[in-house]
Amino acid sequence: MKRPAVLLLLAFTSSAQPATALALVRVARILASHGRAADTVARTGGEEFTVLLPGSTEHEAFLAAERIRVEVA
């Protein structure tokens, strides 16, 4: 039986270079703290992150993305 999985592609921007490194560390910590044991978080570019949510429905992924968005904002 196939199980659903969702891939979140997240991109963040910061206007100042020194703040960028600190902001990325903060975002990484937020992503790690919101994840489940089965989730995988990876930094895939300069300011891009990918989150794999195995066993998640589209609605569950939307809720997870919204929680991340609110905390990062």
N, C-alpha and C. Protein backbone atom coordinates (compact mmCIF):
# COMPACT_ATOMS: atom_id res chain seq x y z
N MET A 1 0.84 -1.18 0.00
CA MET A 1 0.00 0.00 0.00
C MET A 1 0.89 1.25 0.00
N LYS A 2 0.60 2.16 -0.89
CA LYS A 2 1.37 3.39 -0.97
C LYS A 2 0.89 4.37 0.09
N ARG A 3 1.85 5.07 0.68
CA ARG A 3 1.53 6.08 1.68
C ARG A 3 1.82 7.45 1.07
N PRO A 4 0.99 8.44 1.40
CA PRO A 4 1.24 9.78 0.85
C PRO A 4 2.48 10.40 1.46
N ALA A 5 3.06 11.30 0.73
CA ALA A 5 4.19 12.10 1.22
C ALA A 5 4.10 13.46 0.56
N VAL A 6 4.56 14.45 1.27
CA VAL A 6 4.54 15.82 0.75
C VAL A 6 5.94 16.40 0.87
N LEU A 7 6.33 17.16 -0.13
CA LEU A 7 7.61 17.84 -0.13
C LEU A 7 7.35 19.34 -0.09
N LEU A 8 7.81 20.00 0.99
CA LEU A 8 7.69 21.45 1.10
C LEU A 8 8.98 22.08 0.59
N LEU A 9 8.87 23.06 -0.26
CA LEU A 9 10.01 23.82 -0.75
C LEU A 9 9.87 25.23 -0.18
N LEU A 10 10.81 25.62 0.65
CA LEU A 10 10.72 26.89 1.37
C LEU A 10 11.89 27.78 0.97
N ALA A 11 11.60 29.04 0.70
CA ALA A 11 12.64 30.02 0.36
C ALA A 11 12.47 31.23 1.29
N PHE A 12 13.58 31.68 1.85
CA PHE A 12 13.57 32.82 2.76
C PHE A 12 14.52 33.88 2.24
N THR A 13 14.19 35.12 2.51
CA THR A 13 15.07 36.21 2.09
C THR A 13 15.35 37.13 3.27
N SER A 14 16.52 37.75 3.23
CA SER A 14 16.92 38.72 4.24
C SER A 14 17.67 39.83 3.52
N SER A 15 17.48 41.06 3.96
CA SER A 15 18.07 42.19 3.24
C SER A 15 19.53 42.46 3.61
N ALA A 16 19.99 42.03 4.77
CA ALA A 16 21.37 42.32 5.19
C ALA A 16 22.17 41.03 5.29
N GLN A 17 23.40 41.04 4.76
CA GLN A 17 24.23 39.84 4.77
C GLN A 17 24.51 39.30 6.17
N PRO A 18 24.97 40.11 7.14
CA PRO A 18 25.23 39.54 8.47
C PRO A 18 23.96 38.95 9.09
N ALA A 19 22.84 39.58 8.86
CA ALA A 19 21.58 39.08 9.40
C ALA A 19 21.17 37.79 8.72
N THR A 20 21.59 37.60 7.48
CA THR A 20 21.20 36.41 6.74
C THR A 20 21.66 35.14 7.43
N ALA A 21 22.93 35.08 7.85
CA ALA A 21 23.45 33.89 8.50
C ALA A 21 22.69 33.60 9.79
N LEU A 22 22.45 34.62 10.58
CA LEU A 22 21.71 34.45 11.83
C LEU A 22 20.26 34.04 11.55
N ALA A 23 19.66 34.63 10.53
CA ALA A 23 18.28 34.29 10.18
C ALA A 23 18.17 32.85 9.71
N LEU A 24 19.15 32.38 8.95
CA LEU A 24 19.12 31.00 8.46
C LEU A 24 19.27 30.00 9.61
N VAL A 25 20.10 30.33 10.57
CA VAL A 25 20.24 29.47 11.75
C VAL A 25 18.91 29.41 12.51
N ARG A 26 18.27 30.56 12.66
CA ARG A 26 16.97 30.61 13.34
C ARG A 26 15.93 29.78 12.59
N VAL A 27 15.89 29.91 11.27
CA VAL A 27 14.94 29.15 10.46
C VAL A 27 15.22 27.66 10.60
N ALA A 28 16.48 27.25 10.54
CA ALA A 28 16.84 25.84 10.68
C ALA A 28 16.37 25.29 12.02
N ARG A 29 16.54 26.06 13.07
CA ARG A 29 16.09 25.61 14.40
C ARG A 29 14.57 25.48 14.45
N ILE A 30 13.88 26.43 13.85
CA ILE A 30 12.41 26.36 13.82
C ILE A 30 11.96 25.12 13.05
N LEU A 31 12.57 24.86 11.90
CA LEU A 31 12.19 23.69 11.11
C LEU A 31 12.45 22.40 11.88
N ALA A 32 13.59 22.33 12.56
CA ALA A 32 13.92 21.14 13.34
C ALA A 32 12.95 20.94 14.50
N SER A 33 12.53 22.02 15.11
CA SER A 33 11.65 21.90 16.27
C SER A 33 10.22 21.54 15.87
N HIS A 34 9.82 21.82 14.64
CA HIS A 34 8.46 21.52 14.20
C HIS A 34 8.35 20.14 13.55
N GLY A 35 9.47 19.51 13.32
CA GLY A 35 9.44 18.24 12.61
C GLY A 35 9.07 17.06 13.50
N ARG A 36 8.56 16.03 12.84
CA ARG A 36 8.31 14.75 13.50
C ARG A 36 9.53 13.88 13.27
N ALA A 37 9.60 12.78 13.98
CA ALA A 37 10.76 11.88 13.84
C ALA A 37 10.93 11.41 12.40
N ALA A 38 9.84 11.22 11.68
CA ALA A 38 9.91 10.71 10.30
C ALA A 38 10.22 11.78 9.28
N ASP A 39 10.11 13.06 9.64
CA ASP A 39 10.34 14.15 8.70
C ASP A 39 11.82 14.36 8.44
N THR A 40 12.13 14.86 7.26
CA THR A 40 13.51 15.17 6.89
C THR A 40 13.59 16.62 6.47
N VAL A 41 14.52 17.36 7.08
CA VAL A 41 14.73 18.77 6.75
C VAL A 41 16.12 18.91 6.16
N ALA A 42 16.23 19.64 5.05
CA ALA A 42 17.53 19.85 4.42
C ALA A 42 17.63 21.27 3.89
N ARG A 43 18.79 21.85 4.05
CA ARG A 43 19.06 23.14 3.40
C ARG A 43 19.55 22.80 2.00
N THR A 44 18.81 23.24 1.01
CA THR A 44 19.10 22.83 -0.36
C THR A 44 19.67 23.94 -1.23
N GLY A 45 19.84 25.10 -0.66
CA GLY A 45 20.40 26.22 -1.40
C GLY A 45 20.79 27.31 -0.42
N GLY A 46 21.15 28.46 -0.94
CA GLY A 46 21.57 29.55 -0.08
C GLY A 46 20.55 29.90 0.99
N GLU A 47 19.33 30.15 0.59
CA GLU A 47 18.26 30.49 1.53
C GLU A 47 17.04 29.59 1.33
N GLU A 48 17.29 28.39 0.78
CA GLU A 48 16.21 27.46 0.49
C GLU A 48 16.32 26.22 1.38
N PHE A 49 15.16 25.76 1.81
CA PHE A 49 15.07 24.53 2.60
C PHE A 49 14.03 23.63 1.97
N THR A 50 14.21 22.32 2.14
CA THR A 50 13.25 21.33 1.69
C THR A 50 12.86 20.49 2.90
N VAL A 51 11.58 20.23 3.03
CA VAL A 51 11.08 19.40 4.13
C VAL A 51 10.26 18.27 3.53
N LEU A 52 10.66 17.03 3.82
CA LEU A 52 9.92 15.86 3.38
C LEU A 52 9.03 15.41 4.53
N LEU A 53 7.72 15.32 4.25
CA LEU A 53 6.73 14.93 5.25
C LEU A 53 6.09 13.61 4.83
N PRO A 54 6.73 12.48 5.13
CA PRO A 54 6.15 11.20 4.74
C PRO A 54 4.90 10.91 5.56
N GLY A 55 3.93 10.29 4.93
CA GLY A 55 2.70 9.93 5.62
C GLY A 55 1.78 11.10 5.89
N SER A 56 2.03 12.24 5.25
CA SER A 56 1.20 13.43 5.46
C SER A 56 0.26 13.65 4.28
N THR A 57 -0.91 14.12 4.60
CA THR A 57 -1.84 14.51 3.55
C THR A 57 -1.54 15.94 3.15
N GLU A 58 -2.17 16.37 2.08
CA GLU A 58 -2.00 17.76 1.63
C GLU A 58 -2.45 18.73 2.72
N HIS A 59 -3.54 18.43 3.38
CA HIS A 59 -4.04 19.31 4.44
C HIS A 59 -3.07 19.36 5.63
N GLU A 60 -2.55 18.23 6.03
CA GLU A 60 -1.58 18.20 7.14
C GLU A 60 -0.32 18.99 6.78
N ALA A 61 0.11 18.88 5.53
CA ALA A 61 1.28 19.62 5.08
C ALA A 61 1.00 21.12 5.07
N PHE A 62 -0.20 21.49 4.65
CA PHE A 62 -0.57 22.91 4.68
C PHE A 62 -0.52 23.45 6.10
N LEU A 63 -1.05 22.70 7.06
CA LEU A 63 -1.02 23.13 8.46
C LEU A 63 0.41 23.25 8.97
N ALA A 64 1.26 22.30 8.62
CA ALA A 64 2.66 22.35 9.03
C ALA A 64 3.35 23.58 8.44
N ALA A 65 3.12 23.83 7.16
CA ALA A 65 3.73 24.99 6.49
C ALA A 65 3.24 26.29 7.12
N GLU A 66 1.98 26.34 7.47
CA GLU A 66 1.43 27.55 8.09
C GLU A 66 2.03 27.78 9.48
N ARG A 67 2.22 26.72 10.26
CA ARG A 67 2.86 26.86 11.57
C ARG A 67 4.29 27.40 11.41
N ILE A 68 5.00 26.88 10.42
CA ILE A 68 6.36 27.35 10.16
C ILE A 68 6.33 28.82 9.74
N ARG A 69 5.44 29.18 8.83
CA ARG A 69 5.35 30.56 8.35
C ARG A 69 5.09 31.54 9.49
N VAL A 70 4.17 31.19 10.36
CA VAL A 70 3.82 32.08 11.48
C VAL A 70 5.01 32.25 12.42
N GLU A 71 5.71 31.17 12.70
CA GLU A 71 6.83 31.27 13.64
C GLU A 71 8.03 32.02 13.03
N VAL A 72 8.26 31.86 11.74
CA VAL A 72 9.40 32.52 11.10
C VAL A 72 9.14 34.01 10.92
N ALA A 73 7.88 34.38 10.68
CA ALA A 73 7.54 35.78 10.41
C ALA A 73 7.88 36.71 11.57
